[in-house]
Every structure is written in C-alpha cells, then in structure tokens.
Amino acid sequence: MKKKQQELIAYSKSQGVNLTIDPSLNKKYIGKGTTSNKLEKANEIISNLKFIHK
C-alpha cells in the first residue's frame, strides 16, 4: 500500500470513517502527465475509495 493511501486511511479513521481501498479497481495509466490525465487519475483514486460509515 502506498504511503499516501496509508495516510488517507489513518486520517479517515481519526474522523470516524472506516476507509478501505479496493486493489482490484487499480489500473495503470499510460501516457504523458497532462492535466486531463491528472484529472482522470484523481477521479479514479476517488472511485477506488469505499467509505463505510460506522
């Protein structure tokens, strides 16, 4: 698990949210780091997060 993911999970636990990251949704991106690619990556990261409220 990446350090950013670990930090996000730790932060969500401190806020009372049980956050899990589903590795089956991870995809690799091919291409240049253009703005549209960065937005697509951000959207995919958000879609990979599953929020489970206690």
C-alpha atoms as a PDB file:
ATOM      1  CA  MET A   1       0.000   0.000   0.000  1.00  0.00           C
ATOM      2  CA  LYS A   2       1.289   3.424  -0.871  1.00  0.00           C
ATOM      3  CA  LYS A   3       2.222   5.914   1.823  1.00  0.00           C
ATOM      4  CA  LYS A   4      -0.473   8.379   0.661  1.00  0.00           C
ATOM      5  CA  GLN A   5      -3.104   5.639   0.935  1.00  0.00           C
ATOM      6  CA  GLN A   6      -1.928   4.784   4.441  1.00  0.00           C
ATOM      7  CA  GLU A   7      -2.102   8.459   5.428  1.00  0.00           C
ATOM      8  CA  LEU A   8      -5.603   8.768   3.969  1.00  0.00           C
ATOM      9  CA  ILE A   9      -6.802   5.680   5.845  1.00  0.00           C
ATOM     10  CA  ALA A  10      -5.255   6.934   9.099  1.00  0.00           C
ATOM     11  CA  TYR A  11      -6.913  10.333   8.642  1.00  0.00           C
ATOM     12  CA  SER A  12     -10.301   8.802   7.845  1.00  0.00           C
ATOM     13  CA  LYS A  13     -10.109   6.619  10.970  1.00  0.00           C
ATOM     14  CA  SER A  14      -9.414   9.729  13.038  1.00  0.00           C
ATOM     15  CA  GLN A  15     -12.610  11.212  11.572  1.00  0.00           C
ATOM     16  CA  GLY A  16     -14.662   8.116  12.462  1.00  0.00           C
ATOM     17  CA  VAL A  17     -14.852   6.725   8.914  1.00  0.00           C
ATOM     18  CA  ASN A  18     -13.749   3.183   8.101  1.00  0.00           C
ATOM     19  CA  LEU A  19     -11.969   3.571   4.757  1.00  0.00           C
ATOM     20  CA  THR A  20     -10.840   0.625   2.665  1.00  0.00           C
ATOM     21  CA  ILE A  21      -9.041   0.690  -0.665  1.00  0.00           C
ATOM     22  CA  ASP A  22     -10.076  -1.972  -3.155  1.00  0.00           C
ATOM     23  CA  PRO A  23      -6.925  -3.092  -5.036  1.00  0.00           C
ATOM     24  CA  SER A  24      -8.994  -4.817  -7.741  1.00  0.00           C
ATOM     25  CA  LEU A  25     -10.020  -1.369  -9.027  1.00  0.00           C
ATOM     26  CA  ASN A  26      -6.450  -0.150  -9.529  1.00  0.00           C
ATOM     27  CA  LYS A  27      -5.479   0.428 -13.145  1.00  0.00           C
ATOM     28  CA  LYS A  28      -2.233   1.517 -14.694  1.00  0.00           C
ATOM     29  CA  TYR A  29      -2.139   4.668 -16.754  1.00  0.00           C
ATOM     30  CA  ILE A  30      -0.116   5.003 -19.914  1.00  0.00           C
ATOM     31  CA  GLY A  31       0.652   8.399 -21.373  1.00  0.00           C
ATOM     32  CA  LYS A  32       2.027  11.784 -20.585  1.00  0.00           C
ATOM     33  CA  GLY A  33       1.263  13.658 -17.387  1.00  0.00           C
ATOM     34  CA  THR A  34      -1.112  16.136 -18.951  1.00  0.00           C
ATOM     35  CA  THR A  35      -3.777  17.959 -16.998  1.00  0.00           C
ATOM     36  CA  SER A  36      -6.548  15.711 -18.341  1.00  0.00           C
ATOM     37  CA  ASN A  37      -4.577  12.621 -17.312  1.00  0.00           C
ATOM     38  CA  LYS A  38      -4.109  14.064 -13.838  1.00  0.00           C
ATOM     39  CA  LEU A  39      -7.851  14.666 -13.562  1.00  0.00           C
ATOM     40  CA  GLU A  40      -8.567  11.123 -14.728  1.00  0.00           C
ATOM     41  CA  LYS A  41      -6.147   9.775 -12.138  1.00  0.00           C
ATOM     42  CA  ALA A  42      -7.774  11.839  -9.403  1.00  0.00           C
ATOM     43  CA  ASN A  43     -11.234  10.646 -10.435  1.00  0.00           C
ATOM     44  CA  GLU A  44     -10.077   7.031 -10.422  1.00  0.00           C
ATOM     45  CA  ILE A  45      -8.480   7.376  -6.986  1.00  0.00           C
ATOM     46  CA  ILE A  46     -11.743   8.787  -5.660  1.00  0.00           C
ATOM     47  CA  SER A  47     -13.729   5.988  -7.306  1.00  0.00           C
ATOM     48  CA  ASN A  48     -11.394   3.408  -5.704  1.00  0.00           C
ATOM     49  CA  LEU A  49     -12.226   4.603  -2.216  1.00  0.00           C
ATOM     50  CA  LYS A  50     -15.070   2.896  -0.409  1.00  0.00           C
ATOM     51  CA  PHE A  51     -16.435   4.834   2.532  1.00  0.00           C
ATOM     52  CA  ILE A  52     -18.036   2.704   5.225  1.00  0.00           C
ATOM     53  CA  HIS A  53     -19.602   4.757   7.996  1.00  0.00           C
ATOM     54  CA  LYS A  54     -19.736   3.260  11.469  1.00  0.00           C
END
